[in-house]
Protein backbone atom coordinates (compact mmCIF):
# COMPACT_ATOMS: atom_id res chain seq x y z
CA MET A 1 10.60 0.15 16.02
CA SER A 2 6.81 1.12 15.49
CA VAL A 3 4.35 0.79 12.73
CA MET A 4 4.63 3.54 10.40
CA PRO A 5 1.56 5.98 10.67
CA ARG A 6 -0.51 5.94 7.35
CA LYS A 7 -2.58 8.97 7.81
CA CYS A 8 -1.02 12.35 9.06
CA PRO A 9 -1.94 13.31 12.57
CA ALA A 10 -2.59 16.89 11.52
CA CYS A 11 -4.73 16.89 8.71
CA GLY A 12 -5.53 13.21 7.92
CA GLY A 13 -3.86 13.26 4.64
CA GLU A 14 -1.91 10.30 3.18
CA MET A 15 1.62 9.81 4.37
CA HIS A 16 4.67 8.91 2.29
CA VAL A 17 8.23 7.81 3.02
CA CYS A 18 10.70 10.51 2.60
CA GLN A 19 13.77 9.19 4.24
CA LEU A 20 15.67 5.67 4.68
CA CYS A 21 18.20 4.97 7.23
CA CYS A 22 20.50 1.81 7.23
CA SER A 23 20.75 0.38 10.68
CA ALA A 24 24.15 -1.01 10.14
CA CYS A 25 25.96 1.86 9.02
CA GLY A 26 24.06 4.87 9.44
CA THR A 27 23.64 5.63 5.72
CA GLU A 28 20.52 7.96 5.09
CA VAL A 29 18.76 8.27 1.77
CA GLN A 30 16.20 10.99 0.99
CA GLY A 31 13.60 11.00 -1.56
CA GLU A 32 9.88 10.38 -2.03
CA TYR A 33 9.03 6.54 -2.19
CA ARG A 34 5.99 4.96 -2.88
CA LEU A 35 4.71 2.39 -0.43
CA SER A 36 3.95 -1.38 -1.42
CA TRP A 37 0.49 -2.52 -1.09
CA PHE A 38 1.03 -4.30 1.77
CA ALA A 39 2.55 -1.14 3.59
CA ARG A 40 -0.95 0.50 3.27
CA LEU A 41 -2.67 -2.05 5.31
CA THR A 42 -3.97 -1.30 8.80
CA GLU A 43 -2.22 -3.49 11.63
CA GLU A 44 -5.38 -5.40 11.85
CA GLN A 45 -5.39 -6.48 8.16
CA LEU A 46 -1.61 -7.46 8.21
CA ALA A 47 -2.35 -9.68 11.33
CA PHE A 48 -5.13 -11.24 9.29
CA LEU A 49 -2.86 -11.65 6.32
CA GLU A 50 -0.27 -13.27 8.56
CA THR A 51 -2.53 -15.93 10.11
CA PHE A 52 -4.24 -16.51 6.66
CA ILE A 53 -0.95 -17.14 5.13
CA ARG A 54 0.02 -19.25 8.21
CA CYS A 55 -3.06 -21.43 7.66
CA ARG A 56 -2.46 -21.82 4.06
CA GLY A 57 -5.61 -19.86 3.08
CA ASN A 58 -7.84 -22.34 4.93
CA LEU A 59 -10.74 -19.94 6.45
CA LYS A 60 -11.86 -22.57 8.88
CA ASP A 61 -8.25 -22.94 10.55
CA VAL A 62 -8.13 -19.02 10.25
CA GLY A 63 -11.48 -18.72 12.19
CA THR A 64 -10.00 -21.13 14.64
CA ALA A 65 -6.63 -19.27 14.90
CA THR A 66 -8.29 -16.29 15.90
CA GLY A 67 -11.13 -17.29 17.34
CA VAL A 68 -13.94 -16.13 15.17
CA SER A 69 -16.67 -17.75 12.88
CA TYR A 70 -16.14 -18.94 9.27
CA PRO A 71 -18.18 -16.05 8.18
CA THR A 72 -16.40 -13.36 10.03
CA ALA A 73 -13.11 -14.76 8.45
CA ARG A 74 -14.58 -14.60 5.33
CA GLY A 75 -15.77 -10.83 5.90
CA ARG A 76 -11.89 -9.88 6.92
CA LEU A 77 -10.58 -11.65 3.79
CA ASN A 78 -13.21 -9.35 1.64
CA ASN A 79 -12.09 -6.50 3.62
CA LEU A 80 -8.29 -7.32 2.80
CA VAL A 81 -9.03 -7.97 -0.82
CA ASP A 82 -10.89 -4.73 -1.09
CA ALA A 83 -8.11 -2.95 0.52
CA LEU A 84 -5.45 -4.37 -1.61
CA GLY A 85 -7.72 -3.20 -4.97
CA ARG A 86 -7.78 0.39 -3.21
CA ALA A 87 -4.32 0.35 -2.90
CA ARG A 88 -3.75 -0.54 -6.73
CA GLU A 89 -6.18 2.08 -7.79
CA ASP A 90 -4.32 4.73 -5.56
CA GLU A 91 -0.79 3.60 -7.00
CA ALA A 92 -2.29 3.75 -10.72
CA ALA A 93 -3.41 7.41 -9.93
CA ALA A 94 -0.19 8.48 -8.41
CA ARG A 95 1.49 7.00 -11.77
CA ARG A 96 -0.78 9.21 -14.17
CA LEU A 97 -0.31 12.35 -12.16
CA GLY A 98 3.15 11.64 -11.87
CA VAL A 99 3.32 11.55 -15.77
CA LEU A 100 1.17 14.82 -15.85
CA GLU A 101 3.36 16.53 -13.54
CA GLN A 102 6.40 15.80 -15.83
CA VAL A 103 4.45 17.56 -18.89
CA LYS A 104 3.81 20.46 -16.59
CA ASP A 105 7.89 20.76 -15.75
CA GLY A 106 8.56 20.39 -19.38
CA LEU A 107 10.09 16.78 -18.93
CA LEU A 108 7.60 15.26 -21.24
CA SER A 109 5.95 16.01 -24.37
CA VAL A 110 2.09 15.79 -24.54
CA ASP A 111 2.44 12.99 -27.17
CA GLU A 112 4.98 11.16 -24.88
CA ALA A 113 2.71 11.59 -22.01
CA LEU A 114 -0.43 10.22 -23.89
CA GLU A 115 1.66 7.37 -24.91
CA ARG A 116 2.56 6.30 -21.39
CA LEU A 117 -0.43 6.88 -19.95
CA GLN A 118 -2.43 4.57 -22.57
CA ARG A 119 0.37 1.94 -21.90
CA LYS A 120 -0.53 1.86 -18.44
């Protein structure tokens, strides 16, 4: 099994999951599913995160395990934190857009939409 592509190979747009399959019985479920924050990380970021967790957050040990200096390990951690922050912002924007689409489709009143947008 390969890592899911994050960007469209044709236009560079953001990819999303639209089908899930059970490896045991073959059941398939279709729909549009949001990716978790971690699913939006690059392979390099995921590898760093795995090492960081194995080293229990000790950046000196992370540097030793990956063969990089402490400042480089610290920089990679900062990159990971930034990536997770952007993912949270993207998710919040998608939620807001979903509320607006429900108004457009007549599923929510403007007052209900304002209430939902102010809660989040």
